[in-house]
Amino acid sequence: MQDFIRDENLKLYRRALASSTDAEQQRVLTLLLRLLVVEQTVAAKRQQIPSPI
């Protein structure tokens, strides 16, 4: 479920960034996108690590 929400937020932020003309809004959206990409990378690595149990 978290993956779905993150993917939908990525789509939403990318669309908003593409249509934004306000520099401050673009800065915030870029920051949010960077955070989500990092979160996505961490989640992908976490799935690759086998459970110790």
N, C-alpha and C. Protein backbone atom coordinates (compact mmCIF):
# COMPACT_ATOMS: atom_id res chain seq x y z
N MET A 1 0.83 -1.19 0.00
CA MET A 1 0.00 0.00 0.00
C MET A 1 0.87 1.26 0.00
N GLN A 2 1.94 1.23 0.79
CA GLN A 2 2.83 2.39 0.84
C GLN A 2 3.48 2.65 -0.52
N ASP A 3 3.80 1.57 -1.24
CA ASP A 3 4.39 1.73 -2.57
C ASP A 3 3.41 2.43 -3.51
N PHE A 4 2.15 2.03 -3.44
CA PHE A 4 1.13 2.64 -4.29
C PHE A 4 0.99 4.13 -3.99
N ILE A 5 0.92 4.47 -2.72
CA ILE A 5 0.77 5.88 -2.32
C ILE A 5 1.98 6.68 -2.77
N ARG A 6 3.18 6.12 -2.58
CA ARG A 6 4.40 6.82 -3.00
C ARG A 6 4.40 7.03 -4.51
N ASP A 7 4.02 6.00 -5.28
CA ASP A 7 3.99 6.12 -6.74
C ASP A 7 2.98 7.17 -7.20
N GLU A 8 1.83 7.20 -6.55
CA GLU A 8 0.81 8.20 -6.91
C GLU A 8 1.29 9.60 -6.55
N ASN A 9 1.96 9.75 -5.42
CA ASN A 9 2.51 11.06 -5.04
C ASN A 9 3.58 11.50 -6.03
N LEU A 10 4.42 10.56 -6.48
CA LEU A 10 5.43 10.90 -7.49
C LEU A 10 4.76 11.44 -8.75
N LYS A 11 3.72 10.78 -9.21
CA LYS A 11 3.00 11.24 -10.40
C LYS A 11 2.41 12.63 -10.18
N LEU A 12 1.78 12.81 -9.03
CA LEU A 12 1.15 14.08 -8.71
C LEU A 12 2.17 15.21 -8.65
N TYR A 13 3.28 14.99 -7.95
CA TYR A 13 4.30 16.03 -7.81
C TYR A 13 4.95 16.35 -9.15
N ARG A 14 5.17 15.34 -9.99
CA ARG A 14 5.77 15.58 -11.31
C ARG A 14 4.84 16.42 -12.19
N ARG A 15 3.55 16.11 -12.17
CA ARG A 15 2.58 16.90 -12.94
C ARG A 15 2.53 18.34 -12.43
N ALA A 16 2.51 18.49 -11.11
CA ALA A 16 2.45 19.83 -10.52
C ALA A 16 3.71 20.61 -10.86
N LEU A 17 4.86 19.95 -10.82
CA LEU A 17 6.12 20.62 -11.15
C LEU A 17 6.14 21.06 -12.61
N ALA A 18 5.64 20.22 -13.48
CA ALA A 18 5.63 20.54 -14.92
C ALA A 18 4.74 21.74 -15.22
N SER A 19 3.67 21.92 -14.45
CA SER A 19 2.75 23.01 -14.74
C SER A 19 2.98 24.26 -13.88
N SER A 20 3.86 24.17 -12.91
CA SER A 20 4.09 25.29 -12.00
C SER A 20 4.94 26.38 -12.64
N THR A 21 4.57 27.63 -12.36
CA THR A 21 5.38 28.76 -12.81
C THR A 21 5.99 29.52 -11.64
N ASP A 22 5.60 29.14 -10.43
CA ASP A 22 6.09 29.79 -9.21
C ASP A 22 7.40 29.14 -8.77
N ALA A 23 8.45 29.94 -8.62
CA ALA A 23 9.77 29.41 -8.28
C ALA A 23 9.78 28.71 -6.92
N GLU A 24 9.10 29.27 -5.95
CA GLU A 24 9.08 28.66 -4.61
C GLU A 24 8.33 27.33 -4.64
N GLN A 25 7.24 27.29 -5.35
CA GLN A 25 6.48 26.04 -5.47
C GLN A 25 7.32 24.98 -6.19
N GLN A 26 8.05 25.38 -7.22
CA GLN A 26 8.93 24.45 -7.93
C GLN A 26 10.01 23.92 -7.01
N ARG A 27 10.54 24.78 -6.16
CA ARG A 27 11.58 24.36 -5.21
C ARG A 27 11.04 23.32 -4.24
N VAL A 28 9.86 23.57 -3.70
CA VAL A 28 9.24 22.65 -2.74
C VAL A 28 8.92 21.32 -3.42
N LEU A 29 8.34 21.37 -4.61
CA LEU A 29 8.00 20.14 -5.33
C LEU A 29 9.25 19.34 -5.67
N THR A 30 10.32 20.02 -6.05
CA THR A 30 11.57 19.33 -6.35
C THR A 30 12.10 18.64 -5.10
N LEU A 31 12.04 19.31 -3.98
CA LEU A 31 12.47 18.71 -2.72
C LEU A 31 11.63 17.48 -2.37
N LEU A 32 10.32 17.60 -2.51
CA LEU A 32 9.43 16.47 -2.23
C LEU A 32 9.73 15.29 -3.16
N LEU A 33 9.97 15.58 -4.43
CA LEU A 33 10.31 14.52 -5.37
C LEU A 33 11.61 13.83 -4.98
N ARG A 34 12.60 14.60 -4.60
CA ARG A 34 13.87 14.01 -4.17
C ARG A 34 13.69 13.10 -2.97
N LEU A 35 12.89 13.55 -2.01
CA LEU A 35 12.64 12.74 -0.81
C LEU A 35 11.94 11.43 -1.17
N LEU A 36 10.97 11.50 -2.06
CA LEU A 36 10.25 10.29 -2.46
C LEU A 36 11.14 9.32 -3.23
N VAL A 37 12.03 9.85 -4.06
CA VAL A 37 12.94 8.99 -4.81
C VAL A 37 13.89 8.27 -3.85
N VAL A 38 14.39 8.99 -2.85
CA VAL A 38 15.26 8.36 -1.84
C VAL A 38 14.47 7.29 -1.09
N GLU A 39 13.25 7.62 -0.70
CA GLU A 39 12.41 6.65 0.02
C GLU A 39 12.15 5.42 -0.84
N GLN A 40 11.93 5.63 -2.12
CA GLN A 40 11.69 4.52 -3.05
C GLN A 40 12.93 3.63 -3.15
N THR A 41 14.11 4.23 -3.21
CA THR A 41 15.35 3.48 -3.29
C THR A 41 15.57 2.66 -2.03
N VAL A 42 15.34 3.26 -0.87
CA VAL A 42 15.50 2.55 0.40
C VAL A 42 14.52 1.39 0.49
N ALA A 43 13.29 1.61 0.08
CA ALA A 43 12.28 0.55 0.13
C ALA A 43 12.65 -0.60 -0.80
N ALA A 44 13.19 -0.29 -1.96
CA ALA A 44 13.60 -1.34 -2.90
C ALA A 44 14.75 -2.16 -2.33
N LYS A 45 15.71 -1.49 -1.70
CA LYS A 45 16.83 -2.21 -1.09
C LYS A 45 16.36 -3.06 0.08
N ARG A 46 15.40 -2.56 0.83
CA ARG A 46 14.86 -3.28 1.97
C ARG A 46 14.19 -4.58 1.52
N GLN A 47 13.54 -4.55 0.37
CA GLN A 47 12.87 -5.73 -0.15
C GLN A 47 13.87 -6.78 -0.63
N GLN A 48 15.07 -6.35 -1.01
CA GLN A 48 16.09 -7.28 -1.49
C GLN A 48 16.79 -8.02 -0.36
N ILE A 49 16.79 -7.45 0.83
CA ILE A 49 17.46 -8.07 1.98
C ILE A 49 16.55 -9.15 2.55
N PRO A 50 17.05 -10.40 2.62
CA PRO A 50 16.21 -11.46 3.16
C PRO A 50 15.96 -11.29 4.66
N SER A 51 14.81 -11.72 5.09
CA SER A 51 14.44 -11.64 6.50
C SER A 51 15.30 -12.61 7.31
N PRO A 52 15.76 -12.21 8.51
CA PRO A 52 16.62 -13.10 9.31
C PRO A 52 15.86 -14.28 9.91
N ILE A 53 14.56 -14.25 9.82
CA ILE A 53 13.76 -15.33 10.41
C ILE A 53 13.51 -16.43 9.40
